[in-house]
Amino acid sequence: MKIKKSDSQTDNLIKVYKIFLCSAVLAVVLVALFGVLSSLNLADQKTYVSKSEQIKFPDYQPGELNQKQQKIIEVLKTEWKNPGDGPKYAEGVRELWCADFVSWVMRRAGMPFKNPNSGSWRIPGVYTLQEYFSSVGAWRPYGKYQPKTGDIVIYKDDSIFGGHTNFVLLNQDGYLTTIGGNENKKILIQRYKLDDTVGIKGFGELK
């Protein structure tokens, strides 16, 4: 049986219509997906300037740092180049180690903490770390103080890091450059805009 020419043309038109319809639906889905990804990317850029792996350790000008700052920066740079794992900074204990790292660096720099509960140089908890700074008159609430190199940042539980602590490397042009332990299970340098979106609770001032 021969297919009529008109029937063949109709079938071809139907096929073209189906292809067009599928292409249109796919285009709508791709546009929507692109919009979602773009919004996520913009949200990320609002907080971070660049990926952690791309941020270099700052170079400081001669005379820019005082003696205490120099000692802390020397230790931080050494650990950044040759990082250890969590237990190294926590006396062999396996735990969340951001506060352990801060404690270890301060001890290594010759300025050990004194845990208000145990008397140890190691303060493994962020809350106890804030308690320590308050007890020695070094606690500075966010918004009332401009942090400087060597200061210690303490973040709120709902911050971009969660409950966390790290060191200030630079406070420059409205951006804070920090270095901390247990950031993605590593020692990382971060740079972000110093504003309310970050979730900083306050600072332990290097005195």
N, C-alpha and C. Protein backbone atom coordinates (compact mmCIF):
# COMPACT_ATOMS: atom_id res chain seq x y z
N MET A 1 0.84 -1.20 0.00
CA MET A 1 0.00 0.00 0.00
C MET A 1 0.87 1.24 0.00
N LYS A 2 0.61 2.16 -0.91
CA LYS A 2 1.39 3.38 -1.00
C LYS A 2 0.85 4.43 -0.03
N ILE A 3 1.80 5.17 0.61
CA ILE A 3 1.41 6.24 1.52
C ILE A 3 1.16 7.50 0.71
N LYS A 4 0.05 8.11 0.96
CA LYS A 4 -0.26 9.33 0.25
C LYS A 4 0.71 10.43 0.62
N LYS A 5 0.97 11.30 -0.34
CA LYS A 5 1.93 12.39 -0.13
C LYS A 5 1.47 13.31 0.99
N SER A 6 0.15 13.55 1.05
CA SER A 6 -0.38 14.45 2.08
C SER A 6 -0.20 13.86 3.47
N ASP A 7 -0.38 12.52 3.59
CA ASP A 7 -0.19 11.86 4.88
C ASP A 7 1.26 11.94 5.32
N SER A 8 2.17 11.75 4.38
CA SER A 8 3.61 11.82 4.68
C SER A 8 3.99 13.21 5.15
N GLN A 9 3.46 14.23 4.51
CA GLN A 9 3.75 15.61 4.92
C GLN A 9 3.22 15.89 6.31
N THR A 10 2.04 15.35 6.61
CA THR A 10 1.44 15.54 7.94
C THR A 10 2.31 14.91 9.02
N ASP A 11 2.79 13.67 8.72
CA ASP A 11 3.66 12.99 9.68
C ASP A 11 4.94 13.79 9.93
N ASN A 12 5.50 14.33 8.87
CA ASN A 12 6.72 15.13 9.01
C ASN A 12 6.48 16.38 9.84
N LEU A 13 5.34 17.01 9.62
CA LEU A 13 5.00 18.21 10.40
C LEU A 13 4.85 17.88 11.88
N ILE A 14 4.23 16.71 12.16
CA ILE A 14 4.05 16.29 13.55
C ILE A 14 5.41 16.05 14.21
N LYS A 15 6.32 15.40 13.46
CA LYS A 15 7.66 15.14 14.00
C LYS A 15 8.39 16.45 14.29
N VAL A 16 8.30 17.40 13.36
CA VAL A 16 8.95 18.70 13.55
C VAL A 16 8.37 19.41 14.76
N TYR A 17 7.05 19.34 14.91
CA TYR A 17 6.39 19.98 16.05
C TYR A 17 6.85 19.38 17.37
N LYS A 18 6.96 18.03 17.40
CA LYS A 18 7.40 17.36 18.62
C LYS A 18 8.83 17.75 18.98
N ILE A 19 9.69 17.80 17.95
CA ILE A 19 11.08 18.19 18.19
C ILE A 19 11.15 19.62 18.72
N PHE A 20 10.35 20.51 18.11
CA PHE A 20 10.32 21.91 18.55
C PHE A 20 9.83 22.02 19.98
N LEU A 21 8.79 21.26 20.32
CA LEU A 21 8.22 21.30 21.66
C LEU A 21 9.22 20.81 22.70
N CYS A 22 9.90 19.71 22.39
CA CYS A 22 10.91 19.17 23.31
C CYS A 22 12.06 20.15 23.50
N SER A 23 12.47 20.79 22.41
CA SER A 23 13.57 21.76 22.48
C SER A 23 13.17 22.96 23.34
N ALA A 24 11.93 23.39 23.19
CA ALA A 24 11.45 24.54 23.97
C ALA A 24 11.42 24.21 25.46
N VAL A 25 10.93 23.01 25.80
CA VAL A 25 10.89 22.58 27.21
C VAL A 25 12.29 22.50 27.78
N LEU A 26 13.22 21.92 27.01
CA LEU A 26 14.60 21.79 27.45
C LEU A 26 15.24 23.16 27.67
N ALA A 27 14.93 24.10 26.79
CA ALA A 27 15.48 25.45 26.91
C ALA A 27 14.99 26.12 28.20
N VAL A 28 13.70 25.94 28.51
CA VAL A 28 13.13 26.51 29.73
C VAL A 28 13.81 25.93 30.97
N VAL A 29 14.01 24.60 30.95
CA VAL A 29 14.67 23.93 32.09
C VAL A 29 16.10 24.44 32.27
N LEU A 30 16.83 24.57 31.17
CA LEU A 30 18.22 25.04 31.24
C LEU A 30 18.31 26.47 31.74
N VAL A 31 17.39 27.32 31.29
CA VAL A 31 17.38 28.71 31.76
C VAL A 31 17.12 28.77 33.26
N ALA A 32 16.15 27.97 33.72
CA ALA A 32 15.84 27.95 35.15
C ALA A 32 17.02 27.44 35.97
N LEU A 33 17.67 26.38 35.47
CA LEU A 33 18.83 25.82 36.17
C LEU A 33 19.97 26.82 36.22
N PHE A 34 20.20 27.52 35.12
CA PHE A 34 21.25 28.54 35.08
C PHE A 34 20.98 29.65 36.09
N GLY A 35 19.71 30.02 36.22
CA GLY A 35 19.35 31.06 37.18
C GLY A 35 19.64 30.66 38.61
N VAL A 36 19.32 29.39 38.94
CA VAL A 36 19.58 28.89 40.29
C VAL A 36 21.07 28.87 40.57
N LEU A 37 21.85 28.33 39.62
CA LEU A 37 23.30 28.26 39.81
C LEU A 37 23.92 29.64 39.91
N SER A 38 23.41 30.58 39.12
CA SER A 38 23.95 31.94 39.17
C SER A 38 23.68 32.59 40.51
N SER A 39 22.48 32.37 41.06
CA SER A 39 22.16 32.96 42.35
C SER A 39 23.02 32.38 43.45
N LEU A 40 23.30 31.07 43.37
CA LEU A 40 24.18 30.45 44.36
C LEU A 40 25.58 31.00 44.25
N ASN A 41 26.05 31.20 43.03
CA ASN A 41 27.39 31.71 42.81
C ASN A 41 27.52 33.13 43.33
N LEU A 42 26.49 33.96 43.10
CA LEU A 42 26.51 35.33 43.60
C LEU A 42 26.50 35.36 45.11
N ALA A 43 25.73 34.46 45.72
CA ALA A 43 25.70 34.41 47.18
C ALA A 43 27.08 34.06 47.72
N ASP A 44 27.77 33.14 47.03
CA ASP A 44 29.11 32.76 47.46
C ASP A 44 30.08 33.92 47.29
N GLN A 45 29.97 34.64 46.17
CA GLN A 45 30.87 35.76 45.92
C GLN A 45 30.64 36.90 46.90
N LYS A 46 29.45 36.99 47.45
CA LYS A 46 29.16 38.05 48.41
C LYS A 46 30.02 37.90 49.65
N THR A 47 30.34 36.65 50.00
CA THR A 47 31.13 36.39 51.19
C THR A 47 32.60 36.22 50.89
N TYR A 48 32.93 35.42 49.89
CA TYR A 48 34.32 35.11 49.60
C TYR A 48 34.81 35.84 48.36
N VAL A 49 36.05 36.27 48.41
CA VAL A 49 36.65 36.94 47.27
C VAL A 49 37.19 35.93 46.28
N SER A 50 37.82 34.88 46.76
CA SER A 50 38.38 33.85 45.89
C SER A 50 38.48 32.54 46.65
N LYS A 51 38.76 31.48 45.91
CA LYS A 51 38.88 30.17 46.53
C LYS A 51 40.08 30.14 47.48
N SER A 52 39.92 29.40 48.58
CA SER A 52 40.95 29.36 49.60
C SER A 52 42.31 28.95 49.04
N GLU A 53 42.30 27.96 48.10
CA GLU A 53 43.55 27.45 47.58
C GLU A 53 44.31 28.50 46.77
N GLN A 54 43.62 29.57 46.34
CA GLN A 54 44.24 30.58 45.50
C GLN A 54 44.80 31.75 46.31
N ILE A 55 44.50 31.81 47.60
CA ILE A 55 44.94 32.93 48.43
C ILE A 55 46.33 32.63 48.98
N LYS A 56 47.25 33.54 48.75
CA LYS A 56 48.61 33.37 49.23
C LYS A 56 48.78 33.95 50.62
N PHE A 57 49.80 33.48 51.31
CA PHE A 57 50.11 34.04 52.62
C PHE A 57 50.59 35.47 52.41
N PRO A 58 50.08 36.42 53.18
CA PRO A 58 50.43 37.83 52.95
C PRO A 58 51.92 38.11 53.16
N ASP A 59 52.40 39.11 52.46
CA ASP A 59 53.74 39.64 52.68
C ASP A 59 53.60 40.92 53.51
N TYR A 60 54.40 41.04 54.54
CA TYR A 60 54.33 42.20 55.42
C TYR A 60 55.56 43.08 55.22
N GLN A 61 55.35 44.37 55.30
CA GLN A 61 56.44 45.32 55.15
C GLN A 61 57.29 45.36 56.42
N PRO A 62 58.59 45.65 56.29
CA PRO A 62 59.45 45.77 57.48
C PRO A 62 58.89 46.81 58.45
N GLY A 63 58.81 46.43 59.70
CA GLY A 63 58.29 47.34 60.72
C GLY A 63 56.78 47.37 60.83
N GLU A 64 56.10 46.62 59.97
CA GLU A 64 54.63 46.62 59.99
C GLU A 64 54.08 45.88 61.19
N LEU A 65 54.80 44.86 61.65
CA LEU A 65 54.33 44.03 62.76
C LEU A 65 55.18 44.27 64.00
N ASN A 66 54.52 44.20 65.16
CA ASN A 66 55.28 44.27 66.40
C ASN A 66 55.85 42.88 66.72
N GLN A 67 56.58 42.76 67.80
CA GLN A 67 57.28 41.51 68.11
C GLN A 67 56.32 40.34 68.31
N LYS A 68 55.23 40.57 69.02
CA LYS A 68 54.27 39.49 69.25
C LYS A 68 53.61 39.04 67.95
N GLN A 69 53.26 40.00 67.12
CA GLN A 69 52.66 39.66 65.83
C GLN A 69 53.63 38.86 64.97
N GLN A 70 54.89 39.26 64.97
CA GLN A 70 55.90 38.55 64.18
C GLN A 70 56.01 37.09 64.59
N LYS A 71 56.01 36.84 65.90
CA LYS A 71 56.14 35.47 66.39
C LYS A 71 54.95 34.62 65.95
N ILE A 72 53.76 35.18 66.05
CA ILE A 72 52.56 34.43 65.65
C ILE A 72 52.56 34.16 64.15
N ILE A 73 52.91 35.17 63.37
CA ILE A 73 52.94 35.02 61.92
C ILE A 73 53.98 33.98 61.49
N GLU A 74 55.12 33.95 62.15
CA GLU A 74 56.14 32.95 61.83
C GLU A 74 55.62 31.53 62.03
N VAL A 75 54.93 31.32 63.16
CA VAL A 75 54.38 29.99 63.43
C VAL A 75 53.28 29.65 62.43
N LEU A 76 52.40 30.59 62.16
CA LEU A 76 51.30 30.35 61.23
C LEU A 76 51.81 30.03 59.83
N LYS A 77 52.82 30.75 59.39
CA LYS A 77 53.36 30.52 58.05
C LYS A 77 54.00 29.14 57.95
N THR A 78 54.69 28.73 59.01
CA THR A 78 55.31 27.41 59.03
C THR A 78 54.26 26.31 58.95
N GLU A 79 53.18 26.45 59.72
CA GLU A 79 52.13 25.43 59.72
C GLU A 79 51.33 25.44 58.43
N TRP A 80 51.22 26.60 57.81
CA TRP A 80 50.52 26.69 56.53
C TRP A 80 51.31 25.98 55.43
N LYS A 81 52.63 26.11 55.48
CA LYS A 81 53.47 25.44 54.48
C LYS A 81 53.57 23.94 54.74
N ASN A 82 53.62 23.55 56.01
CA ASN A 82 53.76 22.13 56.37
C ASN A 82 52.71 21.77 57.43
N PRO A 83 51.46 21.68 57.02
CA PRO A 83 50.38 21.48 57.99
C PRO A 83 50.37 20.08 58.60
N GLY A 84 49.93 20.02 59.84
CA GLY A 84 49.71 18.75 60.50
C GLY A 84 48.23 18.41 60.49
N ASP A 85 47.89 17.26 61.08
CA ASP A 85 46.47 16.92 61.20
C ASP A 85 45.97 17.35 62.58
N GLY A 86 44.69 17.14 62.83
CA GLY A 86 44.08 17.59 64.07
C GLY A 86 44.79 17.15 65.34
N PRO A 87 45.10 15.84 65.48
CA PRO A 87 45.74 15.37 66.72
C PRO A 87 47.06 16.06 67.05
N LYS A 88 47.77 16.54 66.02
CA LYS A 88 49.04 17.25 66.28
C LYS A 88 48.80 18.45 67.18
N TYR A 89 47.70 19.13 66.97
CA TYR A 89 47.41 20.37 67.70
C TYR A 89 46.55 20.14 68.93
N ALA A 90 46.12 18.89 69.14
CA ALA A 90 45.19 18.60 70.23
C ALA A 90 45.74 17.55 71.20
N GLU A 91 47.06 17.49 71.32
CA GLU A 91 47.70 16.53 72.23
C GLU A 91 47.26 15.09 71.93
N GLY A 92 47.11 14.79 70.65
CA GLY A 92 46.77 13.44 70.23
C GLY A 92 45.28 13.13 70.21
N VAL A 93 44.46 14.06 70.65
CA VAL A 93 43.01 13.83 70.69
C VAL A 93 42.41 14.07 69.31
N ARG A 94 41.49 13.19 68.91
CA ARG A 94 40.78 13.38 67.64
C ARG A 94 39.45 14.07 67.93
N GLU A 95 39.35 15.33 67.52
CA GLU A 95 38.16 16.13 67.77
C GLU A 95 38.15 17.31 66.80
N LEU A 96 37.10 18.10 66.83
CA LEU A 96 37.07 19.33 66.05
C LEU A 96 38.17 20.23 66.60
N TRP A 97 39.08 20.68 65.74
CA TRP A 97 40.35 21.19 66.25
C TRP A 97 40.67 22.65 65.93
N CYS A 98 39.66 23.46 65.60
CA CYS A 98 39.95 24.86 65.30
C CYS A 98 40.51 25.59 66.53
N ALA A 99 39.90 25.38 67.70
CA ALA A 99 40.38 26.03 68.92
C ALA A 99 41.69 25.41 69.40
N ASP A 100 41.86 24.12 69.15
CA ASP A 100 43.14 23.48 69.46
C ASP A 100 44.27 24.12 68.66
N PHE A 101 44.01 24.37 67.38
CA PHE A 101 45.01 24.98 66.52
C PHE A 101 45.40 26.37 67.02
N VAL A 102 44.41 27.16 67.38
CA VAL A 102 44.67 28.50 67.92
C VAL A 102 45.51 28.40 69.19
N SER A 103 45.14 27.48 70.07
CA SER A 103 45.88 27.29 71.33
C SER A 103 47.32 26.86 71.06
N TRP A 104 47.50 25.93 70.14
CA TRP A 104 48.83 25.40 69.82
C TRP A 104 49.74 26.49 69.26
N VAL A 105 49.19 27.29 68.36
CA VAL A 105 49.98 28.37 67.75
C VAL A 105 50.42 29.38 68.81
N MET A 106 49.51 29.74 69.70
CA MET A 106 49.85 30.72 70.74
C MET A 106 50.93 30.16 71.67
N ARG A 107 50.84 28.90 72.00
CA ARG A 107 51.87 28.27 72.84
C ARG A 107 53.20 28.23 72.11
N ARG A 108 53.16 27.86 70.85
CA ARG A 108 54.38 27.77 70.05
C ARG A 108 55.05 29.15 69.90
N ALA A 109 54.23 30.19 69.87
CA ALA A 109 54.74 31.55 69.73
C ALA A 109 55.21 32.13 71.06
N GLY A 110 55.08 31.35 72.14
CA GLY A 110 55.56 31.80 73.44
C GLY A 110 54.54 32.60 74.24
N MET A 111 53.26 32.50 73.86
CA MET A 111 52.19 33.22 74.55
C MET A 111 51.05 32.27 74.88
N PRO A 112 51.30 31.26 75.69
CA PRO A 112 50.28 30.22 75.92
C PRO A 112 49.05 30.74 76.65
N PHE A 113 47.91 30.14 76.31
CA PHE A 113 46.68 30.41 77.05
C PHE A 113 46.74 29.67 78.39
N LYS A 114 45.76 29.98 79.24
CA LYS A 114 45.56 29.21 80.45
C LYS A 114 44.07 28.88 80.54
N ASN A 115 43.76 27.63 80.27
CA ASN A 115 42.36 27.19 80.27
C ASN A 115 41.73 27.49 81.63
N PRO A 116 40.63 28.28 81.67
CA PRO A 116 40.01 28.65 82.95
C PRO A 116 39.44 27.46 83.71
N ASN A 117 39.28 26.33 83.04
CA ASN A 117 38.73 25.14 83.70
C ASN A 117 39.81 24.16 84.14
N SER A 118 40.80 23.94 83.28
CA SER A 118 41.81 22.91 83.58
C SER A 118 43.19 23.48 83.90
N GLY A 119 43.42 24.74 83.52
CA GLY A 119 44.74 25.32 83.71
C GLY A 119 45.72 24.98 82.60
N SER A 120 45.29 24.16 81.63
CA SER A 120 46.15 23.73 80.53
C SER A 120 46.34 24.86 79.52
N TRP A 121 47.39 24.74 78.70
CA TRP A 121 47.61 25.70 77.61
C TRP A 121 46.58 25.51 76.50
N ARG A 122 45.98 24.34 76.45
CA ARG A 122 45.04 24.02 75.37
C ARG A 122 43.61 24.33 75.78
N ILE A 123 42.94 25.12 74.94
CA ILE A 123 41.52 25.41 75.13
C ILE A 123 40.79 24.83 73.92
N PRO A 124 40.18 23.67 74.06
CA PRO A 124 39.62 22.97 72.90
C PRO A 124 38.25 23.45 72.44
N GLY A 125 37.62 24.33 73.22
CA GLY A 125 36.26 24.77 72.87
C GLY A 125 36.19 26.26 72.60
N VAL A 126 35.36 26.63 71.63
CA VAL A 126 35.22 28.04 71.25
C VAL A 126 34.60 28.85 72.39
N TYR A 127 33.62 28.29 73.09
CA TYR A 127 32.98 29.02 74.18
C TYR A 127 33.97 29.30 75.31
N THR A 128 34.77 28.30 75.64
CA THR A 128 35.78 28.48 76.69
C THR A 128 36.84 29.47 76.26
N LEU A 129 37.13 29.50 74.97
CA LEU A 129 38.11 30.46 74.44
C LEU A 129 37.60 31.89 74.64
N GLN A 130 36.32 32.11 74.37
CA GLN A 130 35.75 33.44 74.61
C GLN A 130 35.77 33.77 76.11
N GLU A 131 35.48 32.78 76.93
CA GLU A 131 35.52 32.97 78.38
C GLU A 131 36.92 33.38 78.83
N TYR A 132 37.92 32.74 78.23
CA TYR A 132 39.31 33.08 78.58
C TYR A 132 39.62 34.53 78.21
N PHE A 133 39.26 34.94 76.99
CA PHE A 133 39.54 36.31 76.57
C PHE A 133 38.85 37.33 77.48
N SER A 134 37.63 37.02 77.88
CA SER A 134 36.91 37.91 78.80
C SER A 134 37.63 38.01 80.14
N SER A 135 38.16 36.88 80.60
CA SER A 135 38.81 36.85 81.92
C SER A 135 40.11 37.64 81.96
N VAL A 136 40.75 37.80 80.80
CA VAL A 136 42.03 38.54 80.76
C VAL A 136 41.86 39.94 80.15
N GLY A 137 40.61 40.35 79.95
CA GLY A 137 40.34 41.69 79.45
C GLY A 137 40.67 41.89 77.98
N ALA A 138 40.64 40.81 77.20
CA ALA A 138 41.01 40.90 75.79
C ALA A 138 39.84 40.69 74.84
N TRP A 139 38.62 40.49 75.37
CA TRP A 139 37.47 40.24 74.52
C TRP A 139 36.95 41.54 73.92
N ARG A 140 36.75 41.54 72.59
CA ARG A 140 36.27 42.72 71.88
C ARG A 140 35.07 42.32 71.02
N PRO A 141 33.86 42.77 71.39
CA PRO A 141 32.66 42.41 70.61
C PRO A 141 32.73 42.95 69.19
N TYR A 142 32.12 42.22 68.28
CA TYR A 142 32.08 42.65 66.88
C TYR A 142 31.34 43.98 66.74
N GLY A 143 31.85 44.84 65.88
CA GLY A 143 31.21 46.12 65.61
C GLY A 143 31.77 47.27 66.42
N LYS A 144 32.53 46.95 67.47
CA LYS A 144 33.09 47.99 68.33
C LYS A 144 34.62 48.00 68.30
N TYR A 145 35.17 47.24 67.35
CA TYR A 145 36.63 47.07 67.34
C TYR A 145 37.08 46.68 65.94
N GLN A 146 38.19 47.25 65.51
CA GLN A 146 38.79 46.88 64.23
C GLN A 146 39.94 45.89 64.48
N PRO A 147 39.77 44.63 64.06
CA PRO A 147 40.80 43.62 64.35
C PRO A 147 42.10 43.89 63.61
N LYS A 148 43.17 43.40 64.18
CA LYS A 148 44.49 43.57 63.58
C LYS A 148 45.19 42.22 63.48
N THR A 149 46.30 42.21 62.79
CA THR A 149 47.08 40.99 62.59
C THR A 149 47.42 40.33 63.93
N GLY A 150 47.14 39.04 64.03
CA GLY A 150 47.43 38.30 65.25
C GLY A 150 46.24 38.16 66.18
N ASP A 151 45.20 38.96 65.97
CA ASP A 151 43.98 38.81 66.77
C ASP A 151 43.30 37.49 66.41
N ILE A 152 42.42 37.05 67.29
CA ILE A 152 41.72 35.79 67.10
C ILE A 152 40.23 36.06 66.92
N VAL A 153 39.67 35.50 65.86
CA VAL A 153 38.25 35.70 65.55
C VAL A 153 37.43 34.57 66.15
N ILE A 154 36.29 34.92 66.74
CA ILE A 154 35.34 33.91 67.20
C ILE A 154 34.01 34.16 66.50
N TYR A 155 33.47 33.09 65.91
CA TYR A 155 32.26 33.18 65.10
C TYR A 155 31.05 32.61 65.84
N LYS A 156 29.88 33.11 65.47
CA LYS A 156 28.63 32.60 66.02
C LYS A 156 28.35 31.19 65.47
N ASP A 157 27.45 30.49 66.15
CA ASP A 157 27.10 29.14 65.71
C ASP A 157 26.45 29.14 64.32
N ASP A 158 25.76 30.23 63.97
CA ASP A 158 25.09 30.29 62.67
C ASP A 158 25.89 31.10 61.65
N SER A 159 27.20 31.22 61.86
CA SER A 159 28.04 31.96 60.93
C SER A 159 28.30 31.13 59.67
N ILE A 160 29.04 31.71 58.72
CA ILE A 160 29.39 30.98 57.50
C ILE A 160 30.28 29.78 57.80
N PHE A 161 30.95 29.79 58.96
CA PHE A 161 31.81 28.68 59.36
C PHE A 161 31.15 27.77 60.39
N GLY A 162 30.02 28.20 60.96
CA GLY A 162 29.51 27.55 62.16
C GLY A 162 30.29 28.08 63.35
N GLY A 163 30.13 27.46 64.52
CA GLY A 163 30.94 27.85 65.67
C GLY A 163 32.40 27.59 65.36
N HIS A 164 33.21 28.63 65.35
CA HIS A 164 34.57 28.48 64.82
C HIS A 164 35.47 29.58 65.36
N THR A 165 36.78 29.38 65.19
CA THR A 165 37.76 30.40 65.56
C THR A 165 38.96 30.30 64.63
N ASN A 166 39.58 31.44 64.33
CA ASN A 166 40.80 31.47 63.53
C ASN A 166 41.55 32.78 63.77
N PHE A 167 42.67 32.95 63.09
CA PHE A 167 43.52 34.13 63.28
C PHE A 167 43.30 35.17 62.19
N VAL A 168 43.49 36.42 62.55
CA VAL A 168 43.49 37.51 61.58
C VAL A 168 44.90 37.64 60.99
N LEU A 169 44.98 37.58 59.66
CA LEU A 169 46.24 37.87 58.98
C LEU A 169 46.29 39.32 58.53
N LEU A 170 45.17 39.79 57.98
CA LEU A 170 45.08 41.17 57.51
C LEU A 170 43.67 41.70 57.68
N ASN A 171 43.56 42.98 57.97
CA ASN A 171 42.30 43.71 57.93
C ASN A 171 42.56 44.90 57.02
N GLN A 172 42.09 44.80 55.78
CA GLN A 172 42.48 45.78 54.77
C GLN A 172 41.34 46.06 53.80
N ASP A 173 41.04 47.33 53.61
CA ASP A 173 40.04 47.77 52.63
C ASP A 173 38.68 47.11 52.83
N GLY A 174 38.32 46.89 54.08
CA GLY A 174 37.01 46.31 54.38
C GLY A 174 36.95 44.80 54.26
N TYR A 175 38.09 44.16 54.02
CA TYR A 175 38.14 42.71 53.91
C TYR A 175 39.06 42.13 54.97
N LEU A 176 38.66 40.99 55.49
CA LEU A 176 39.44 40.30 56.51
C LEU A 176 40.05 39.05 55.90
N THR A 177 41.36 38.91 56.06
CA THR A 177 42.06 37.70 55.64
C THR A 177 42.41 36.92 56.90
N THR A 178 42.00 35.66 56.94
CA THR A 178 42.19 34.84 58.14
C THR A 178 42.88 33.53 57.80
N ILE A 179 43.40 32.89 58.84
CA ILE A 179 43.95 31.54 58.69
C ILE A 179 43.50 30.73 59.89
N GLY A 180 43.06 29.50 59.63
CA GLY A 180 42.56 28.69 60.73
C GLY A 180 42.70 27.20 60.46
N GLY A 181 42.60 26.44 61.53
CA GLY A 181 42.64 24.99 61.44
C GLY A 181 41.24 24.41 61.38
N ASN A 182 41.16 23.18 60.89
CA ASN A 182 39.89 22.47 60.74
C ASN A 182 38.91 23.23 59.85
N GLU A 183 39.43 23.87 58.82
CA GLU A 183 38.59 24.49 57.80
C GLU A 183 38.64 23.56 56.59
N ASN A 184 37.54 22.87 56.38
CA ASN A 184 37.51 21.77 55.41
C ASN A 184 38.56 20.72 55.77
N LYS A 185 38.75 20.55 57.09
CA LYS A 185 39.70 19.58 57.66
C LYS A 185 41.15 19.92 57.32
N LYS A 186 41.40 21.18 57.01
CA LYS A 186 42.74 21.62 56.64
C LYS A 186 43.08 22.92 57.38
N ILE A 187 44.29 23.41 57.12
CA ILE A 187 44.66 24.76 57.52
C ILE A 187 44.52 25.62 56.26
N LEU A 188 43.58 26.55 56.30
CA LEU A 188 43.27 27.33 55.11
C LEU A 188 43.32 28.83 55.39
N ILE A 189 43.61 29.57 54.33
CA ILE A 189 43.52 31.02 54.36
C ILE A 189 42.22 31.42 53.67
N GLN A 190 41.44 32.26 54.33
CA GLN A 190 40.17 32.74 53.78
C GLN A 190 40.22 34.27 53.69
N ARG A 191 39.45 34.80 52.76
CA ARG A 191 39.33 36.26 52.65
C ARG A 191 37.87 36.59 52.38
N TYR A 192 37.30 37.46 53.19
CA TYR A 192 35.89 37.78 53.04
C TYR A 192 35.62 39.22 53.49
N LYS A 193 34.49 39.73 53.04
CA LYS A 193 34.10 41.08 53.40
C LYS A 193 33.70 41.13 54.86
N LEU A 194 34.22 42.12 55.55
CA LEU A 194 33.96 42.25 56.98
C LEU A 194 32.64 42.98 57.17
N ASP A 195 31.54 42.21 57.16
CA ASP A 195 30.23 42.80 57.38
C ASP A 195 29.36 41.82 58.16
N ASP A 196 28.10 42.18 58.34
CA ASP A 196 27.22 41.40 59.21
C ASP A 196 26.86 40.02 58.64
N THR A 197 27.09 39.79 57.35
CA THR A 197 26.71 38.50 56.76
C THR A 197 27.63 37.37 57.21
N VAL A 198 28.80 37.71 57.71
CA VAL A 198 29.79 36.68 58.05
C VAL A 198 29.40 35.94 59.33
N GLY A 199 28.90 36.65 60.31
CA GLY A 199 28.51 36.02 61.57
C GLY A 199 29.61 36.01 62.61
N ILE A 200 30.39 37.08 62.65
CA ILE A 200 31.45 37.18 63.66
C ILE A 200 30.85 37.60 65.00
N LYS A 201 31.26 36.92 66.04
CA LYS A 201 30.79 37.23 67.39
C LYS A 201 31.69 38.28 68.04
N GLY A 202 32.98 38.13 67.83
CA GLY A 202 33.92 39.08 68.42
C GLY A 202 35.35 38.63 68.21
N PHE A 203 36.26 39.30 68.92
CA PHE A 203 37.69 39.05 68.72
C PHE A 203 38.41 38.94 70.06
N GLY A 204 39.44 38.10 70.06
CA GLY A 204 40.37 38.09 71.17
C GLY A 204 41.56 38.94 70.77
N GLU A 205 41.72 40.07 71.42
CA GLU A 205 42.77 41.01 71.02
C GLU A 205 44.14 40.53 71.48
N LEU A 206 45.11 40.63 70.58
CA LEU A 206 46.49 40.34 70.94
C LEU A 206 47.04 41.55 71.67
N LYS A 207 47.33 41.38 72.95
CA LYS A 207 47.76 42.52 73.77
C LYS A 207 49.22 42.40 74.16
